[in-house]
Amino acid sequence: GSIVFHGLTDCRGLDLDTLVHLDVGEVLVYPLQGLKPAPGQGLNKCATVTMYQCWPPNGRGNLEDPASRERYRNKIRAMTEDKRARFIDYDC
């Protein structure tokens, strides 16, 4: 996956291995309590997150028909919006 931070982002001196966690189905920025700076500072800012290999727990084969793909897209949309993020797309 990838994270593209909007605007100028000065990453000098930041320990990105500690501050950013990308895994299949999960993105965490500032995962440790007490490290997150004020909004707009460091990496605590708007970003576009792209994730790959995000399939239903019961496997990608369950997305073969259009109705299943739409149900899963809606589930991903709801999970995204529950985190107060804006859903852009899910291409299954």
N, C-alpha and C. Protein backbone atom coordinates (compact mmCIF):
# COMPACT_ATOMS: atom_id res chain seq x y z
N GLY A 1 0.81 -1.18 0.00
CA GLY A 1 0.00 0.00 0.00
C GLY A 1 0.86 1.25 0.00
N SER A 2 0.23 2.38 0.05
CA SER A 2 0.95 3.65 0.07
C SER A 2 0.13 4.72 0.78
N ILE A 3 0.85 5.72 1.26
CA ILE A 3 0.24 6.91 1.85
C ILE A 3 0.85 8.11 1.17
N VAL A 4 0.02 9.00 0.64
CA VAL A 4 0.49 10.26 0.05
C VAL A 4 -0.08 11.38 0.91
N PHE A 5 0.79 12.07 1.62
CA PHE A 5 0.37 13.17 2.47
C PHE A 5 0.15 14.41 1.62
N HIS A 6 -0.93 15.12 1.86
CA HIS A 6 -1.28 16.30 1.07
C HIS A 6 -0.44 17.49 1.51
N GLY A 7 -0.06 18.31 0.56
CA GLY A 7 0.73 19.51 0.86
C GLY A 7 2.18 19.14 1.14
N LEU A 8 2.93 20.13 1.62
CA LEU A 8 4.33 19.90 1.96
C LEU A 8 4.41 19.10 3.26
N THR A 9 5.24 18.08 3.25
CA THR A 9 5.41 17.24 4.43
C THR A 9 6.90 17.04 4.66
N ASP A 10 7.40 17.60 5.74
CA ASP A 10 8.82 17.49 6.07
C ASP A 10 9.01 16.25 6.94
N CYS A 11 9.61 15.23 6.36
CA CYS A 11 9.82 13.96 7.08
C CYS A 11 11.22 13.85 7.66
N ARG A 12 12.01 14.91 7.53
CA ARG A 12 13.37 14.85 8.08
C ARG A 12 13.30 14.64 9.59
N GLY A 13 14.08 13.70 10.06
CA GLY A 13 14.14 13.45 11.49
C GLY A 13 13.02 12.58 12.04
N LEU A 14 12.08 12.18 11.19
CA LEU A 14 10.99 11.32 11.65
C LEU A 14 11.38 9.85 11.48
N ASP A 15 11.12 9.05 12.49
CA ASP A 15 11.37 7.61 12.42
C ASP A 15 10.13 6.95 11.80
N LEU A 16 10.10 6.88 10.48
CA LEU A 16 8.91 6.39 9.78
C LEU A 16 8.59 4.94 10.13
N ASP A 17 9.59 4.13 10.43
CA ASP A 17 9.34 2.74 10.81
C ASP A 17 8.54 2.65 12.10
N THR A 18 8.69 3.61 12.98
CA THR A 18 7.96 3.64 14.24
C THR A 18 6.60 4.33 14.08
N LEU A 19 6.55 5.35 13.22
CA LEU A 19 5.36 6.20 13.12
C LEU A 19 4.31 5.70 12.13
N VAL A 20 4.71 4.88 11.16
CA VAL A 20 3.78 4.44 10.11
C VAL A 20 3.80 2.92 10.04
N HIS A 21 2.61 2.34 10.10
CA HIS A 21 2.46 0.89 10.00
C HIS A 21 1.51 0.58 8.85
N LEU A 22 2.04 -0.04 7.78
CA LEU A 22 1.23 -0.49 6.64
C LEU A 22 1.24 -2.01 6.63
N ASP A 23 0.07 -2.59 6.65
CA ASP A 23 -0.03 -4.04 6.58
C ASP A 23 -1.26 -4.37 5.74
N VAL A 24 -1.43 -5.61 5.37
CA VAL A 24 -2.59 -6.01 4.58
C VAL A 24 -3.85 -5.68 5.38
N GLY A 25 -4.68 -4.80 4.84
CA GLY A 25 -5.94 -4.43 5.48
C GLY A 25 -5.83 -3.44 6.62
N GLU A 26 -4.65 -2.84 6.83
CA GLU A 26 -4.49 -1.95 7.99
C GLU A 26 -3.45 -0.87 7.71
N VAL A 27 -3.79 0.35 8.10
CA VAL A 27 -2.86 1.48 8.04
C VAL A 27 -2.94 2.19 9.38
N LEU A 28 -1.80 2.38 10.03
CA LEU A 28 -1.75 3.13 11.28
C LEU A 28 -0.65 4.18 11.17
N VAL A 29 -0.99 5.40 11.50
CA VAL A 29 -0.01 6.48 11.58
C VAL A 29 -0.03 6.95 13.04
N TYR A 30 1.11 7.02 13.65
CA TYR A 30 1.24 7.30 15.09
C TYR A 30 0.52 6.22 15.91
N PRO A 31 0.92 4.95 15.77
CA PRO A 31 0.24 3.87 16.48
C PRO A 31 0.45 3.88 18.00
N LEU A 32 1.51 4.52 18.47
CA LEU A 32 1.79 4.53 19.91
C LEU A 32 1.16 5.74 20.57
N GLN A 33 0.52 5.53 21.70
CA GLN A 33 -0.12 6.61 22.46
C GLN A 33 0.89 7.72 22.77
N GLY A 34 0.45 8.94 22.67
CA GLY A 34 1.25 10.08 23.10
C GLY A 34 2.23 10.62 22.06
N LEU A 35 2.33 9.99 20.90
CA LEU A 35 3.27 10.47 19.88
C LEU A 35 2.64 11.40 18.86
N LYS A 36 1.31 11.39 18.76
CA LYS A 36 0.64 12.16 17.71
C LYS A 36 0.71 13.66 18.01
N PRO A 37 1.25 14.45 17.06
CA PRO A 37 1.31 15.90 17.25
C PRO A 37 -0.05 16.55 16.94
N ALA A 38 -0.11 17.83 17.10
CA ALA A 38 -1.33 18.59 16.81
C ALA A 38 -1.70 18.42 15.33
N PRO A 39 -2.99 18.55 15.00
CA PRO A 39 -3.40 18.46 13.60
C PRO A 39 -2.60 19.44 12.73
N GLY A 40 -2.17 18.93 11.57
CA GLY A 40 -1.38 19.74 10.64
C GLY A 40 0.11 19.65 10.88
N GLN A 41 0.51 19.07 11.99
CA GLN A 41 1.94 18.94 12.32
C GLN A 41 2.42 17.52 11.95
N GLY A 42 3.66 17.40 11.55
CA GLY A 42 4.24 16.09 11.24
C GLY A 42 3.40 15.35 10.22
N LEU A 43 3.03 14.11 10.56
CA LEU A 43 2.22 13.29 9.67
C LEU A 43 0.74 13.31 10.05
N ASN A 44 0.36 14.12 11.01
CA ASN A 44 -1.03 14.24 11.43
C ASN A 44 -1.74 15.25 10.52
N LYS A 45 -1.96 14.81 9.28
CA LYS A 45 -2.55 15.69 8.27
C LYS A 45 -3.29 14.84 7.24
N CYS A 46 -4.01 15.51 6.38
CA CYS A 46 -4.76 14.80 5.34
C CYS A 46 -3.81 14.01 4.45
N ALA A 47 -4.28 12.83 4.06
CA ALA A 47 -3.48 11.96 3.19
C ALA A 47 -4.42 11.08 2.38
N THR A 48 -3.92 10.58 1.28
CA THR A 48 -4.63 9.58 0.49
C THR A 48 -3.95 8.24 0.73
N VAL A 49 -4.73 7.27 1.16
CA VAL A 49 -4.21 5.94 1.47
C VAL A 49 -4.68 4.97 0.38
N THR A 50 -3.75 4.22 -0.16
CA THR A 50 -4.07 3.17 -1.14
C THR A 50 -3.65 1.84 -0.52
N MET A 51 -4.59 0.90 -0.53
CA MET A 51 -4.31 -0.42 0.04
C MET A 51 -4.51 -1.47 -1.03
N TYR A 52 -3.65 -2.49 -1.00
CA TYR A 52 -3.72 -3.59 -1.95
C TYR A 52 -4.04 -4.89 -1.22
N GLN A 53 -4.58 -5.85 -1.95
CA GLN A 53 -4.87 -7.19 -1.43
C GLN A 53 -5.84 -7.15 -0.25
N CYS A 54 -6.86 -6.34 -0.35
CA CYS A 54 -7.90 -6.29 0.69
C CYS A 54 -9.09 -7.10 0.21
N TRP A 55 -9.13 -8.35 0.65
CA TRP A 55 -10.19 -9.27 0.24
C TRP A 55 -11.05 -9.61 1.44
N PRO A 56 -12.26 -10.12 1.17
CA PRO A 56 -13.09 -10.59 2.28
C PRO A 56 -12.36 -11.69 3.06
N PRO A 57 -12.65 -11.84 4.33
CA PRO A 57 -11.99 -12.87 5.13
C PRO A 57 -12.16 -14.28 4.56
N ASN A 58 -13.29 -14.51 3.86
CA ASN A 58 -13.53 -15.85 3.31
C ASN A 58 -12.98 -16.00 1.89
N GLY A 59 -12.17 -15.05 1.45
CA GLY A 59 -11.46 -15.19 0.18
C GLY A 59 -12.01 -14.38 -0.97
N ARG A 60 -11.11 -14.09 -1.88
CA ARG A 60 -11.40 -13.27 -3.05
C ARG A 60 -12.37 -13.95 -4.00
N GLY A 61 -12.43 -15.28 -3.96
CA GLY A 61 -13.34 -16.01 -4.83
C GLY A 61 -14.80 -15.68 -4.58
N ASN A 62 -15.09 -15.07 -3.44
CA ASN A 62 -16.47 -14.71 -3.11
C ASN A 62 -16.89 -13.39 -3.71
N LEU A 63 -16.06 -12.82 -4.59
CA LEU A 63 -16.40 -11.56 -5.25
C LEU A 63 -16.63 -11.76 -6.76
N GLU A 64 -17.07 -12.95 -7.13
CA GLU A 64 -17.18 -13.28 -8.55
C GLU A 64 -18.37 -12.62 -9.23
N ASP A 65 -19.46 -12.40 -8.53
CA ASP A 65 -20.62 -11.80 -9.18
C ASP A 65 -20.74 -10.33 -8.79
N PRO A 66 -21.37 -9.52 -9.65
CA PRO A 66 -21.48 -8.07 -9.40
C PRO A 66 -22.15 -7.72 -8.07
N ALA A 67 -23.15 -8.47 -7.66
CA ALA A 67 -23.84 -8.15 -6.40
C ALA A 67 -22.91 -8.34 -5.21
N SER A 68 -22.10 -9.39 -5.23
CA SER A 68 -21.14 -9.63 -4.13
C SER A 68 -20.10 -8.53 -4.09
N ARG A 69 -19.61 -8.14 -5.26
CA ARG A 69 -18.61 -7.05 -5.30
C ARG A 69 -19.19 -5.76 -4.76
N GLU A 70 -20.43 -5.46 -5.09
CA GLU A 70 -21.06 -4.23 -4.60
C GLU A 70 -21.29 -4.28 -3.09
N ARG A 71 -21.70 -5.42 -2.57
CA ARG A 71 -21.88 -5.56 -1.12
C ARG A 71 -20.55 -5.34 -0.39
N TYR A 72 -19.48 -5.94 -0.92
CA TYR A 72 -18.18 -5.78 -0.25
C TYR A 72 -17.67 -4.35 -0.39
N ARG A 73 -17.88 -3.73 -1.54
CA ARG A 73 -17.49 -2.31 -1.72
C ARG A 73 -18.22 -1.44 -0.69
N ASN A 74 -19.51 -1.71 -0.48
CA ASN A 74 -20.28 -0.94 0.50
C ASN A 74 -19.78 -1.18 1.92
N LYS A 75 -19.36 -2.41 2.21
CA LYS A 75 -18.80 -2.71 3.53
C LYS A 75 -17.50 -1.92 3.74
N ILE A 76 -16.63 -1.90 2.74
CA ILE A 76 -15.38 -1.14 2.83
C ILE A 76 -15.68 0.35 2.98
N ARG A 77 -16.68 0.84 2.23
CA ARG A 77 -17.08 2.25 2.34
C ARG A 77 -17.51 2.57 3.78
N ALA A 78 -18.35 1.71 4.36
CA ALA A 78 -18.85 1.94 5.73
C ALA A 78 -17.69 1.91 6.74
N MET A 79 -16.78 0.95 6.59
CA MET A 79 -15.64 0.86 7.51
C MET A 79 -14.77 2.12 7.41
N THR A 80 -14.60 2.62 6.20
CA THR A 80 -13.81 3.83 5.99
C THR A 80 -14.49 5.03 6.63
N GLU A 81 -15.76 5.20 6.36
CA GLU A 81 -16.50 6.35 6.88
C GLU A 81 -16.66 6.28 8.39
N ASP A 82 -16.69 5.07 8.98
CA ASP A 82 -16.73 4.94 10.44
C ASP A 82 -15.48 5.54 11.09
N LYS A 83 -14.40 5.59 10.33
CA LYS A 83 -13.14 6.17 10.83
C LYS A 83 -13.04 7.66 10.47
N ARG A 84 -14.17 8.25 10.08
CA ARG A 84 -14.25 9.66 9.68
C ARG A 84 -13.30 9.98 8.52
N ALA A 85 -13.16 9.02 7.62
CA ALA A 85 -12.35 9.21 6.42
C ALA A 85 -13.27 9.23 5.21
N ARG A 86 -12.76 9.74 4.12
CA ARG A 86 -13.56 9.80 2.88
C ARG A 86 -13.19 8.61 2.00
N PHE A 87 -14.18 7.82 1.66
CA PHE A 87 -13.99 6.68 0.78
C PHE A 87 -13.91 7.17 -0.66
N ILE A 88 -12.91 6.70 -1.40
CA ILE A 88 -12.77 7.08 -2.81
C ILE A 88 -13.24 5.95 -3.70
N ASP A 89 -12.68 4.74 -3.54
CA ASP A 89 -13.08 3.63 -4.40
C ASP A 89 -12.51 2.32 -3.84
N TYR A 90 -13.15 1.24 -4.27
CA TYR A 90 -12.64 -0.10 -4.02
C TYR A 90 -12.78 -0.84 -5.32
N ASP A 91 -11.67 -1.22 -5.93
CA ASP A 91 -11.66 -1.91 -7.21
C ASP A 91 -11.39 -3.38 -6.97
N CYS A 92 -12.46 -4.17 -6.98
CA CYS A 92 -12.30 -5.60 -6.76
C CYS A 92 -12.48 -6.32 -8.06
